[in-house]
């Protein structure tokens, strides 16, 4: 250090900082634990890809439970008739010949949520090989909050996209998360209390 009677003391020191680049799995994302996800897709490979995305990188220690449905009719039965509770539903657009379209299933789910006066709506995500501007607009109009084209994004990108949508639910219903509503990107992972059907 340098000491001057007129200017006081000046100290010098070195900091060893870890560099974090965009897309790095080291970025701490405060996503909740133990969420329930339903992946609706008629292609087994696509359902497997979502399993990989939601169980690696920033999701690796969150223990999200991922169920599958191969068409919209099965998804509607599980959620509406069987009263299964899901936090996130990932919906492919084209679910097989003669089957309901993903956007039509989304509209039915949003209508059912409104009829049930659900305080916390499901996070509905669209997915399709077609990702034109029209496809994205139709997805939003149907009630989907995210839309992914193919190839699907990496785990870190999905986590980054999910974060503001989950925090929005936190602001709407503070008890949605167990952690207090003061989350930031630097905080540790929070936990989610389970809702009952």
C-alpha atoms as a PDB file:
ATOM      1  CA  UNK A   1       0.000   0.000   0.000  1.00  0.00           C
ATOM      2  CA  UNK A   2       1.011   3.666  -0.501  1.00  0.00           C
ATOM      3  CA  UNK A   3       0.476   6.156   2.343  1.00  0.00           C
ATOM      4  CA  UNK A   4       0.306   9.911   1.881  1.00  0.00           C
ATOM      5  CA  UNK A   5      -0.348  12.390   4.661  1.00  0.00           C
ATOM      6  CA  UNK A   6      -2.491  14.530   2.374  1.00  0.00           C
ATOM      7  CA  UNK A   7      -4.335  11.840   0.403  1.00  0.00           C
ATOM      8  CA  UNK A   8      -4.647   8.962   2.835  1.00  0.00           C
ATOM      9  CA  UNK A   9      -3.868   5.295   2.071  1.00  0.00           C
ATOM     10  CA  UNK A  10      -4.041   3.563  -1.308  1.00  0.00           C
ATOM     11  CA  UNK A  11      -4.229  -0.242  -1.320  1.00  0.00           C
ATOM     12  CA  UNK A  12      -3.509  -2.579  -4.247  1.00  0.00           C
ATOM     13  CA  UNK A  13      -4.857  -6.103  -4.567  1.00  0.00           C
ATOM     14  CA  UNK A  14      -5.565  -8.778  -7.192  1.00  0.00           C
ATOM     15  CA  UNK A  15      -8.862 -10.566  -7.739  1.00  0.00           C
ATOM     16  CA  UNK A  16      -9.148 -14.032  -9.218  1.00  0.00           C
ATOM     17  CA  UNK A  17     -12.501 -14.128 -11.046  1.00  0.00           C
ATOM     18  CA  UNK A  18     -14.122 -16.984 -12.941  1.00  0.00           C
ATOM     19  CA  UNK A  19     -15.219 -16.019 -16.412  1.00  0.00           C
ATOM     20  CA  UNK A  20     -18.736 -17.141 -17.370  1.00  0.00           C
ATOM     21  CA  UNK A  21     -19.593 -17.122 -21.049  1.00  0.00           C
ATOM     22  CA  UNK A  22     -23.053 -17.037 -22.564  1.00  0.00           C
ATOM     23  CA  UNK A  23     -24.634 -20.464 -22.655  1.00  0.00           C
ATOM     24  CA  UNK A  24     -22.459 -21.803 -19.877  1.00  0.00           C
ATOM     25  CA  UNK A  25     -24.026 -24.433 -17.645  1.00  0.00           C
ATOM     26  CA  UNK A  26     -22.255 -22.749 -14.699  1.00  0.00           C
ATOM     27  CA  UNK A  27     -24.753 -19.876 -14.634  1.00  0.00           C
ATOM     28  CA  UNK A  28     -26.927 -20.278 -11.556  1.00  0.00           C
ATOM     29  CA  UNK A  29     -30.579 -20.231 -12.603  1.00  0.00           C
ATOM     30  CA  UNK A  30     -33.065 -20.295  -9.716  1.00  0.00           C
ATOM     31  CA  UNK A  31     -35.529 -22.684 -11.282  1.00  0.00           C
ATOM     32  CA  UNK A  32     -37.787 -24.603  -8.881  1.00  0.00           C
ATOM     33  CA  UNK A  33     -37.310 -28.234  -7.984  1.00  0.00           C
ATOM     34  CA  UNK A  34     -39.696 -31.151  -8.444  1.00  0.00           C
ATOM     35  CA  UNK A  35     -41.824 -29.636 -11.170  1.00  0.00           C
ATOM     36  CA  UNK A  36     -44.196 -31.840 -13.141  1.00  0.00           C
ATOM     37  CA  UNK A  37     -43.895 -31.678 -16.911  1.00  0.00           C
ATOM     38  CA  UNK A  38     -46.019 -33.320 -19.601  1.00  0.00           C
ATOM     39  CA  UNK A  39     -44.435 -33.721 -23.039  1.00  0.00           C
ATOM     40  CA  UNK A  40     -47.034 -34.228 -25.772  1.00  0.00           C
ATOM     41  CA  UNK A  41     -45.550 -35.479 -29.045  1.00  0.00           C
ATOM     42  CA  UNK A  42     -46.369 -38.336 -31.392  1.00  0.00           C
ATOM     43  CA  UNK A  43     -42.677 -39.019 -32.085  1.00  0.00           C
ATOM     44  CA  UNK A  44     -40.791 -41.036 -29.430  1.00  0.00           C
ATOM     45  CA  UNK A  45     -37.468 -39.454 -30.437  1.00  0.00           C
ATOM     46  CA  UNK A  46     -38.780 -35.939 -29.794  1.00  0.00           C
ATOM     47  CA  UNK A  47     -40.128 -36.968 -26.404  1.00  0.00           C
ATOM     48  CA  UNK A  48     -36.710 -38.431 -25.602  1.00  0.00           C
ATOM     49  CA  UNK A  49     -35.006 -35.189 -26.641  1.00  0.00           C
ATOM     50  CA  UNK A  50     -37.130 -33.217 -24.177  1.00  0.00           C
ATOM     51  CA  UNK A  51     -36.188 -35.690 -21.451  1.00  0.00           C
ATOM     52  CA  UNK A  52     -32.529 -34.977 -22.195  1.00  0.00           C
ATOM     53  CA  UNK A  53     -33.016 -31.184 -22.334  1.00  0.00           C
ATOM     54  CA  UNK A  54     -34.921 -31.073 -19.040  1.00  0.00           C
ATOM     55  CA  UNK A  55     -32.548 -33.332 -17.144  1.00  0.00           C
ATOM     56  CA  UNK A  56     -29.149 -31.915 -18.114  1.00  0.00           C
ATOM     57  CA  UNK A  57     -27.218 -28.676 -17.600  1.00  0.00           C
ATOM     58  CA  UNK A  58     -29.097 -26.324 -15.240  1.00  0.00           C
ATOM     59  CA  UNK A  59     -31.862 -28.928 -14.840  1.00  0.00           C
ATOM     60  CA  UNK A  60     -29.565 -31.764 -13.772  1.00  0.00           C
ATOM     61  CA  UNK A  61     -30.213 -31.511 -10.029  1.00  0.00           C
ATOM     62  CA  UNK A  62     -33.802 -30.227 -10.072  1.00  0.00           C
ATOM     63  CA  UNK A  63     -35.458 -33.668 -10.219  1.00  0.00           C
ATOM     64  CA  UNK A  64     -38.229 -32.612 -12.554  1.00  0.00           C
ATOM     65  CA  UNK A  65     -40.763 -35.349 -13.208  1.00  0.00           C
ATOM     66  CA  UNK A  66     -41.462 -35.769 -16.928  1.00  0.00           C
ATOM     67  CA  UNK A  67     -44.513 -37.653 -18.189  1.00  0.00           C
ATOM     68  CA  UNK A  68     -45.368 -38.355 -21.806  1.00  0.00           C
ATOM     69  CA  UNK A  69     -48.428 -38.420 -24.038  1.00  0.00           C
ATOM     70  CA  UNK A  70     -48.380 -39.310 -27.730  1.00  0.00           C
ATOM     71  CA  UNK A  71     -51.443 -37.265 -28.720  1.00  0.00           C
ATOM     72  CA  UNK A  72     -53.630 -34.399 -27.558  1.00  0.00           C
ATOM     73  CA  UNK A  73     -56.551 -36.576 -26.600  1.00  0.00           C
ATOM     74  CA  UNK A  74     -54.401 -38.447 -24.080  1.00  0.00           C
ATOM     75  CA  UNK A  75     -53.096 -35.171 -22.689  1.00  0.00           C
ATOM     76  CA  UNK A  76     -56.611 -33.802 -22.203  1.00  0.00           C
ATOM     77  CA  UNK A  77     -57.731 -36.997 -20.491  1.00  0.00           C
ATOM     78  CA  UNK A  78     -54.822 -36.952 -18.054  1.00  0.00           C
ATOM     79  CA  UNK A  79     -55.230 -33.308 -17.125  1.00  0.00           C
ATOM     80  CA  UNK A  80     -59.013 -32.815 -17.202  1.00  0.00           C
ATOM     81  CA  UNK A  81     -60.535 -36.227 -16.570  1.00  0.00           C
ATOM     82  CA  UNK A  82     -57.823 -37.840 -14.455  1.00  0.00           C
ATOM     83  CA  UNK A  83     -57.094 -34.525 -12.648  1.00  0.00           C
ATOM     84  CA  UNK A  84     -53.322 -34.837 -13.003  1.00  0.00           C
ATOM     85  CA  UNK A  85     -51.549 -31.589 -12.115  1.00  0.00           C
ATOM     86  CA  UNK A  86     -48.756 -30.358 -14.386  1.00  0.00           C
ATOM     87  CA  UNK A  87     -46.724 -27.187 -14.044  1.00  0.00           C
ATOM     88  CA  UNK A  88     -45.486 -27.237 -17.649  1.00  0.00           C
ATOM     89  CA  UNK A  89     -46.943 -28.808 -20.783  1.00  0.00           C
ATOM     90  CA  UNK A  90     -44.821 -29.003 -23.935  1.00  0.00           C
ATOM     91  CA  UNK A  91     -47.123 -29.439 -26.917  1.00  0.00           C
ATOM     92  CA  UNK A  92     -46.129 -30.458 -30.422  1.00  0.00           C
ATOM     93  CA  UNK A  93     -48.295 -28.933 -33.131  1.00  0.00           C
ATOM     94  CA  UNK A  94     -48.890 -31.926 -35.407  1.00  0.00           C
ATOM     95  CA  UNK A  95     -49.760 -34.968 -33.333  1.00  0.00           C
ATOM     96  CA  UNK A  96     -50.581 -37.538 -35.982  1.00  0.00           C
ATOM     97  CA  UNK A  97     -53.135 -38.026 -38.732  1.00  0.00           C
ATOM     98  CA  UNK A  98     -56.689 -37.588 -37.526  1.00  0.00           C
ATOM     99  CA  UNK A  99     -55.567 -36.279 -34.133  1.00  0.00           C
ATOM    100  CA  UNK A 100     -56.181 -32.893 -32.549  1.00  0.00           C
ATOM    101  CA  UNK A 101     -53.655 -30.195 -33.358  1.00  0.00           C
ATOM    102  CA  UNK A 102     -51.489 -28.985 -30.513  1.00  0.00           C
ATOM    103  CA  UNK A 103     -52.910 -25.478 -30.682  1.00  0.00           C
ATOM    104  CA  UNK A 104     -56.463 -26.818 -30.481  1.00  0.00           C
ATOM    105  CA  UNK A 105     -55.513 -28.829 -27.394  1.00  0.00           C
ATOM    106  CA  UNK A 106     -53.952 -25.684 -25.929  1.00  0.00           C
ATOM    107  CA  UNK A 107     -57.192 -23.739 -26.426  1.00  0.00           C
ATOM    108  CA  UNK A 108     -59.157 -26.467 -24.660  1.00  0.00           C
ATOM    109  CA  UNK A 109     -56.734 -26.455 -21.752  1.00  0.00           C
ATOM    110  CA  UNK A 110     -56.919 -22.668 -21.411  1.00  0.00           C
ATOM    111  CA  UNK A 111     -60.716 -22.807 -21.510  1.00  0.00           C
ATOM    112  CA  UNK A 112     -60.736 -25.491 -18.818  1.00  0.00           C
ATOM    113  CA  UNK A 113     -58.373 -23.464 -16.635  1.00  0.00           C
ATOM    114  CA  UNK A 114     -60.680 -20.446 -16.906  1.00  0.00           C
ATOM    115  CA  UNK A 115     -63.693 -22.558 -15.961  1.00  0.00           C
ATOM    116  CA  UNK A 116     -61.800 -23.911 -12.955  1.00  0.00           C
ATOM    117  CA  UNK A 117     -60.638 -20.405 -11.962  1.00  0.00           C
ATOM    118  CA  UNK A 118     -57.114 -21.738 -11.528  1.00  0.00           C
ATOM    119  CA  UNK A 119     -54.951 -19.107  -9.759  1.00  0.00           C
ATOM    120  CA  UNK A 120     -51.764 -20.370 -11.413  1.00  0.00           C
ATOM    121  CA  UNK A 121     -52.155 -21.419 -15.060  1.00  0.00           C
ATOM    122  CA  UNK A 122     -50.007 -24.118 -16.568  1.00  0.00           C
ATOM    123  CA  UNK A 123     -47.023 -22.964 -18.564  1.00  0.00           C
ATOM    124  CA  UNK A 124     -47.886 -24.168 -22.071  1.00  0.00           C
ATOM    125  CA  UNK A 125     -45.058 -24.402 -24.598  1.00  0.00           C
ATOM    126  CA  UNK A 126     -45.485 -25.023 -28.312  1.00  0.00           C
ATOM    127  CA  UNK A 127     -43.089 -27.010 -30.485  1.00  0.00           C
ATOM    128  CA  UNK A 128     -43.072 -27.702 -34.193  1.00  0.00           C
ATOM    129  CA  UNK A 129     -40.847 -28.371 -37.175  1.00  0.00           C
ATOM    130  CA  UNK A 130     -42.536 -25.334 -38.726  1.00  0.00           C
ATOM    131  CA  UNK A 131     -41.399 -22.110 -37.072  1.00  0.00           C
ATOM    132  CA  UNK A 132     -42.585 -19.336 -39.375  1.00  0.00           C
ATOM    133  CA  UNK A 133     -43.885 -16.018 -38.089  1.00  0.00           C
ATOM    134  CA  UNK A 134     -47.433 -17.240 -38.669  1.00  0.00           C
ATOM    135  CA  UNK A 135     -46.778 -20.403 -36.653  1.00  0.00           C
ATOM    136  CA  UNK A 136     -45.460 -18.344 -33.748  1.00  0.00           C
ATOM    137  CA  UNK A 137     -48.375 -15.917 -33.868  1.00  0.00           C
ATOM    138  CA  UNK A 138     -50.903 -18.768 -33.945  1.00  0.00           C
ATOM    139  CA  UNK A 139     -49.117 -20.332 -30.984  1.00  0.00           C
ATOM    140  CA  UNK A 140     -49.453 -17.155 -28.919  1.00  0.00           C
ATOM    141  CA  UNK A 141     -53.095 -16.679 -29.894  1.00  0.00           C
ATOM    142  CA  UNK A 142     -53.852 -20.238 -28.789  1.00  0.00           C
ATOM    143  CA  UNK A 143     -52.422 -19.539 -25.334  1.00  0.00           C
ATOM    144  CA  UNK A 144     -48.865 -20.847 -25.544  1.00  0.00           C
ATOM    145  CA  UNK A 145     -46.225 -18.699 -23.845  1.00  0.00           C
ATOM    146  CA  UNK A 146     -43.166 -20.107 -25.583  1.00  0.00           C
ATOM    147  CA  UNK A 147     -42.663 -21.630 -29.012  1.00  0.00           C
ATOM    148  CA  UNK A 148     -39.713 -23.706 -30.192  1.00  0.00           C
ATOM    149  CA  UNK A 149     -38.910 -24.784 -33.693  1.00  0.00           C
ATOM    150  CA  UNK A 150     -36.567 -27.613 -34.596  1.00  0.00           C
ATOM    151  CA  UNK A 151     -33.785 -28.257 -33.887  1.00  0.00           C
ATOM    152  CA  UNK A 152     -34.705 -27.758 -30.248  1.00  0.00           C
ATOM    153  CA  UNK A 153     -32.552 -25.408 -28.149  1.00  0.00           C
ATOM    154  CA  UNK A 154     -30.011 -26.504 -25.569  1.00  0.00           C
ATOM    155  CA  UNK A 155     -30.839 -26.866 -21.894  1.00  0.00           C
ATOM    156  CA  UNK A 156     -29.330 -23.513 -20.876  1.00  0.00           C
ATOM    157  CA  UNK A 157     -31.424 -21.611 -23.417  1.00  0.00           C
ATOM    158  CA  UNK A 158     -34.613 -23.340 -22.273  1.00  0.00           C
ATOM    159  CA  UNK A 159     -33.769 -22.521 -18.646  1.00  0.00           C
ATOM    160  CA  UNK A 160     -33.178 -18.877 -19.560  1.00  0.00           C
ATOM    161  CA  UNK A 161     -36.509 -18.728 -21.395  1.00  0.00           C
ATOM    162  CA  UNK A 162     -38.413 -20.367 -18.540  1.00  0.00           C
ATOM    163  CA  UNK A 163     -37.029 -18.146 -15.787  1.00  0.00           C
ATOM    164  CA  UNK A 164     -39.054 -14.928 -16.413  1.00  0.00           C
ATOM    165  CA  UNK A 165     -42.255 -16.902 -16.977  1.00  0.00           C
ATOM    166  CA  UNK A 166     -41.857 -18.743 -13.687  1.00  0.00           C
ATOM    167  CA  UNK A 167     -40.986 -15.536 -11.853  1.00  0.00           C
ATOM    168  CA  UNK A 168     -44.131 -13.962 -13.271  1.00  0.00           C
ATOM    169  CA  UNK A 169     -46.116 -16.746 -11.621  1.00  0.00           C
ATOM    170  CA  UNK A 170     -44.239 -16.060  -8.423  1.00  0.00           C
ATOM    171  CA  UNK A 171     -45.355 -12.436  -8.438  1.00  0.00           C
ATOM    172  CA  UNK A 172     -48.945 -13.480  -9.092  1.00  0.00           C
ATOM    173  CA  UNK A 173     -48.991 -16.050  -6.300  1.00  0.00           C
ATOM    174  CA  UNK A 174     -46.139 -15.612  -3.765  1.00  0.00           C
ATOM    175  CA  UNK A 175     -46.708 -19.056  -2.243  1.00  0.00           C
ATOM    176  CA  UNK A 176     -46.099 -20.732  -5.610  1.00  0.00           C
ATOM    177  CA  UNK A 177     -42.451 -21.073  -4.576  1.00  0.00           C
ATOM    178  CA  UNK A 178     -41.164 -22.007  -1.163  1.00  0.00           C
ATOM    179  CA  UNK A 179     -38.389 -19.398  -1.412  1.00  0.00           C
ATOM    180  CA  UNK A 180     -39.139 -15.692  -0.770  1.00  0.00           C
ATOM    181  CA  UNK A 181     -39.912 -13.555  -3.857  1.00  0.00           C
ATOM    182  CA  UNK A 182     -36.440 -11.977  -4.070  1.00  0.00           C
ATOM    183  CA  UNK A 183     -34.809 -14.326  -6.566  1.00  0.00           C
ATOM    184  CA  UNK A 184     -31.978 -13.286  -8.834  1.00  0.00           C
ATOM    185  CA  UNK A 185     -29.682 -15.056 -11.278  1.00  0.00           C
ATOM    186  CA  UNK A 186     -27.008 -15.360  -8.625  1.00  0.00           C
ATOM    187  CA  UNK A 187     -29.153 -17.120  -6.021  1.00  0.00           C
ATOM    188  CA  UNK A 188     -29.388 -20.825  -5.427  1.00  0.00           C
ATOM    189  CA  UNK A 189     -32.155 -23.063  -6.711  1.00  0.00           C
ATOM    190  CA  UNK A 190     -35.495 -22.692  -4.966  1.00  0.00           C
ATOM    191  CA  UNK A 191     -37.964 -25.464  -4.196  1.00  0.00           C
ATOM    192  CA  UNK A 192     -41.576 -25.689  -5.200  1.00  0.00           C
ATOM    193  CA  UNK A 193     -44.319 -26.901  -2.854  1.00  0.00           C
ATOM    194  CA  UNK A 194     -46.635 -29.286  -4.607  1.00  0.00           C
ATOM    195  CA  UNK A 195     -50.138 -28.224  -5.435  1.00  0.00           C
ATOM    196  CA  UNK A 196     -52.957 -30.663  -4.953  1.00  0.00           C
ATOM    197  CA  UNK A 197     -55.343 -31.519  -7.739  1.00  0.00           C
END
